[in-house]
Protein backbone atom coordinates (compact mmCIF):
# COMPACT_ATOMS: atom_id res chain seq x y z
CA UNK A 1 -112.68 -145.08 -311.95
CA UNK A 2 -109.50 -145.29 -313.68
CA UNK A 3 -109.48 -146.19 -317.67
CA UNK A 4 -106.79 -146.33 -320.31
CA UNK A 5 -103.93 -145.75 -317.70
CA UNK A 6 -100.74 -147.98 -317.11
CA UNK A 7 -100.01 -149.29 -313.78
CA UNK A 8 -96.55 -150.56 -312.80
CA UNK A 9 -97.17 -153.15 -310.06
CA UNK A 10 -93.78 -153.76 -308.69
CA UNK A 11 -93.26 -156.68 -306.27
CA UNK A 12 -90.44 -157.76 -303.91
CA UNK A 13 -89.73 -161.05 -302.46
CA UNK A 14 -92.10 -161.16 -299.55
CA UNK A 15 -94.76 -163.73 -299.20
CA UNK A 16 -97.54 -161.70 -300.66
CA UNK A 17 -95.77 -161.80 -304.02
CA UNK A 18 -97.48 -165.38 -304.02
CA UNK A 19 -100.65 -163.75 -304.76
CA UNK A 20 -100.11 -161.13 -307.29
CA UNK A 21 -102.99 -162.39 -309.23
CA UNK A 22 -105.09 -160.47 -306.43
CA UNK A 23 -104.01 -156.98 -307.24
CA UNK A 24 -103.60 -157.74 -310.85
CA UNK A 25 -107.40 -158.68 -311.33
CA UNK A 26 -108.63 -155.91 -308.95
CA UNK A 27 -106.79 -153.23 -310.99
CA UNK A 28 -108.00 -154.62 -314.15
CA UNK A 29 -111.49 -154.56 -313.15
CA UNK A 30 -111.29 -150.69 -312.89
CA UNK A 31 -109.58 -150.48 -316.01
CA UNK A 32 -105.77 -150.26 -315.27
CA UNK A 33 -103.52 -151.75 -318.02
CA UNK A 34 -101.15 -153.29 -315.30
CA UNK A 35 -97.39 -154.17 -315.95
CA UNK A 36 -95.54 -156.39 -313.47
CA UNK A 37 -92.14 -155.79 -312.52
CA UNK A 38 -90.11 -157.85 -310.09
CA UNK A 39 -86.96 -157.41 -307.89
CA UNK A 40 -84.52 -160.39 -308.80
CA UNK A 41 -85.36 -162.35 -305.65
CA UNK A 42 -89.01 -162.17 -306.32
CA UNK A 43 -88.36 -163.45 -309.85
CA UNK A 44 -86.33 -166.18 -308.54
CA UNK A 45 -89.18 -167.22 -306.10
CA UNK A 46 -91.69 -167.22 -308.75
CA UNK A 47 -89.73 -169.16 -311.31
CA UNK A 48 -87.90 -171.64 -308.98
CA UNK A 49 -90.93 -172.27 -306.47
CA UNK A 50 -93.79 -171.84 -308.44
CA UNK A 51 -93.67 -173.68 -312.07
CA UNK A 52 -95.47 -171.68 -314.66
CA UNK A 53 -96.34 -168.92 -312.43
CA UNK A 54 -94.49 -166.12 -314.65
CA UNK A 55 -96.31 -167.37 -317.79
CA UNK A 56 -99.56 -167.22 -316.01
CA UNK A 57 -98.80 -163.66 -314.92
CA UNK A 58 -97.87 -162.55 -318.23
CA UNK A 59 -101.05 -164.24 -319.56
CA UNK A 60 -103.17 -162.12 -316.76
CA UNK A 61 -101.34 -158.90 -317.61
CA UNK A 62 -100.78 -159.30 -321.29
CA UNK A 63 -97.23 -157.97 -320.85
CA UNK A 64 -93.78 -159.68 -320.42
CA UNK A 65 -93.03 -159.74 -316.63
CA UNK A 66 -89.90 -157.63 -316.45
CA UNK A 67 -87.06 -158.40 -313.70
CA UNK A 68 -83.90 -156.97 -315.13
CA UNK A 69 -82.59 -154.16 -317.18
CA UNK A 70 -82.76 -154.49 -320.78
CA UNK A 71 -79.65 -153.73 -323.08
CA UNK A 72 -79.54 -150.01 -324.55
CA UNK A 73 -80.02 -151.49 -328.06
CA UNK A 74 -83.25 -153.33 -326.93
CA UNK A 75 -86.71 -151.66 -327.32
CA UNK A 76 -89.22 -150.98 -324.26
CA UNK A 77 -91.48 -153.77 -324.31
CA UNK A 78 -93.87 -152.08 -321.69
CA UNK A 79 -95.82 -148.88 -321.99
CA UNK A 80 -95.04 -146.13 -319.75
CA UNK A 81 -96.57 -145.85 -316.55
CA UNK A 82 -99.15 -143.44 -314.97
CA UNK A 83 -98.73 -144.65 -311.65
CA UNK A 84 -96.75 -147.15 -309.67
CA UNK A 85 -97.80 -149.57 -306.75
CA UNK A 86 -94.97 -150.94 -304.83
CA UNK A 87 -96.38 -154.15 -303.09
CA UNK A 88 -95.03 -156.08 -301.40
CA UNK A 89 -92.18 -153.67 -300.30
CA UNK A 90 -89.63 -155.30 -298.19
CA UNK A 91 -87.21 -153.73 -295.92
CA UNK A 92 -84.33 -154.16 -298.05
CA UNK A 93 -85.93 -152.39 -301.24
CA UNK A 94 -87.22 -149.67 -298.63
CA UNK A 95 -83.45 -148.76 -297.60
CA UNK A 96 -82.15 -149.10 -301.09
CA UNK A 97 -85.13 -146.86 -302.55
CA UNK A 98 -84.55 -144.09 -299.74
CA UNK A 99 -81.01 -143.90 -300.54
CA UNK A 100 -81.49 -143.88 -304.45
CA UNK A 101 -79.72 -147.16 -305.08
CA UNK A 102 -80.91 -148.34 -308.39
CA UNK A 103 -79.10 -151.63 -308.77
CA UNK A 104 -82.17 -153.55 -310.19
CA UNK A 105 -84.75 -152.62 -312.70
CA UNK A 106 -87.32 -152.36 -309.98
CA UNK A 107 -85.33 -149.92 -308.01
CA UNK A 108 -84.53 -147.63 -310.82
CA UNK A 109 -88.24 -147.35 -311.99
CA UNK A 110 -89.21 -146.25 -308.52
CA UNK A 111 -86.17 -144.07 -307.95
CA UNK A 112 -86.62 -142.52 -311.22
CA UNK A 113 -90.49 -142.28 -310.60
CA UNK A 114 -90.09 -139.99 -307.70
CA UNK A 115 -88.20 -137.49 -310.13
CA UNK A 116 -90.88 -137.94 -312.79
CA UNK A 117 -93.46 -136.95 -310.64
CA UNK A 118 -95.44 -140.20 -310.87
CA UNK A 119 -98.04 -141.18 -308.43
CA UNK A 120 -96.45 -143.72 -306.20
CA UNK A 121 -98.09 -145.90 -303.58
CA UNK A 122 -95.88 -148.40 -301.45
CA UNK A 123 -97.14 -150.94 -299.15
CA UNK A 124 -94.66 -152.71 -297.14
CA UNK A 125 -94.59 -156.13 -295.87
CA UNK A 126 -92.14 -157.06 -292.88
CA UNK A 127 -92.22 -158.00 -289.45
CA UNK A 128 -92.07 -155.80 -286.40
CA UNK A 129 -88.70 -156.72 -285.33
CA UNK A 130 -87.40 -155.23 -288.87
CA UNK A 131 -89.82 -152.40 -288.55
CA UNK A 132 -88.41 -151.31 -284.98
CA UNK A 133 -84.97 -150.59 -286.75
CA UNK A 134 -84.33 -147.21 -286.38
CA UNK A 135 -83.60 -146.43 -289.82
CA UNK A 136 -86.68 -147.63 -290.94
CA UNK A 137 -88.77 -144.74 -289.76
CA UNK A 138 -86.23 -142.54 -291.34
CA UNK A 139 -86.73 -144.16 -294.65
CA UNK A 140 -90.33 -143.97 -294.66
CA UNK A 141 -90.47 -140.24 -293.58
CA UNK A 142 -87.99 -139.41 -296.32
CA UNK A 143 -90.18 -141.18 -299.06
CA UNK A 144 -93.26 -139.71 -297.84
CA UNK A 145 -91.73 -136.11 -297.91
CA UNK A 146 -90.71 -137.16 -301.80
CA UNK A 147 -94.42 -137.44 -302.25
CA UNK A 148 -94.64 -141.30 -301.97
CA UNK A 149 -97.58 -142.67 -300.35
CA UNK A 150 -96.08 -145.16 -297.94
CA UNK A 151 -98.94 -147.45 -296.28
CA UNK A 152 -97.44 -148.45 -292.93
CA UNK A 153 -99.64 -148.80 -289.98
CA UNK A 154 -103.21 -147.56 -289.39
CA UNK A 155 -104.96 -147.89 -293.02
CA UNK A 156 -102.12 -149.84 -294.36
CA UNK A 157 -99.86 -152.88 -293.47
CA UNK A 158 -99.16 -153.29 -289.72
CA UNK A 159 -96.15 -155.32 -289.27
CA UNK A 160 -96.42 -158.70 -287.58
CA UNK A 161 -94.55 -160.84 -285.22
CA UNK A 162 -91.69 -162.96 -286.92
CA UNK A 163 -92.54 -165.87 -288.78
CA UNK A 164 -96.35 -165.11 -287.88
CA UNK A 165 -97.45 -163.14 -291.00
CA UNK A 166 -100.70 -164.33 -292.86
CA UNK A 167 -100.32 -163.83 -296.57
CA UNK A 168 -103.72 -163.70 -297.48
CA UNK A 169 -104.30 -160.72 -295.13
CA UNK A 170 -102.04 -158.59 -296.86
CA UNK A 171 -103.92 -155.49 -297.66
CA UNK A 172 -103.86 -155.30 -301.18
CA UNK A 173 -106.91 -153.14 -301.52
CA UNK A 174 -105.67 -150.29 -299.52
CA UNK A 175 -102.71 -149.72 -301.93
CA UNK A 176 -105.21 -149.87 -304.70
CA UNK A 177 -107.35 -147.45 -302.96
CA UNK A 178 -104.41 -145.16 -302.31
CA UNK A 179 -104.08 -144.92 -306.09
CA UNK A 180 -107.50 -144.11 -306.86
CA UNK A 181 -107.75 -141.40 -304.07
CA UNK A 182 -104.67 -139.71 -305.68
CA UNK A 183 -106.22 -139.67 -309.10
């Protein structure tokens, strides 16, 4: 069991982002201090489509929900991470991350996290048509070679047919288990 450690949950705009309370509660139960970082699109989903959702997530984590870079003159409002769970990870963020693009706070943190040697687990969510693109396998392999645990396929997320995903079947616990297994 993990105690007194900080987990950054980085969520992209995919349907499971509507259920972020699930991994937050599960991680907190085993002692993680959870900080939530959203991609700009995920932030838009939770502010424009779900009134009060950001505030509820801030109450649940005890931290501000971050989604954009701070100004250099502003202090950090989150403790530094001991580990990062990127879930749900979209195809867009996967491609940018694998090519070291850091144009959002979420991407900056996960790109930097590799260089810092942080424990990083990625739990994708995209359909099988997107997964069939030849670049996806290369991006996944590249991140795995860089030390990221990418849970795609058996034991993680299995892509679904377009428009046929089940948001409640997203394997949050597989991502959390991978963090526990790694330390």
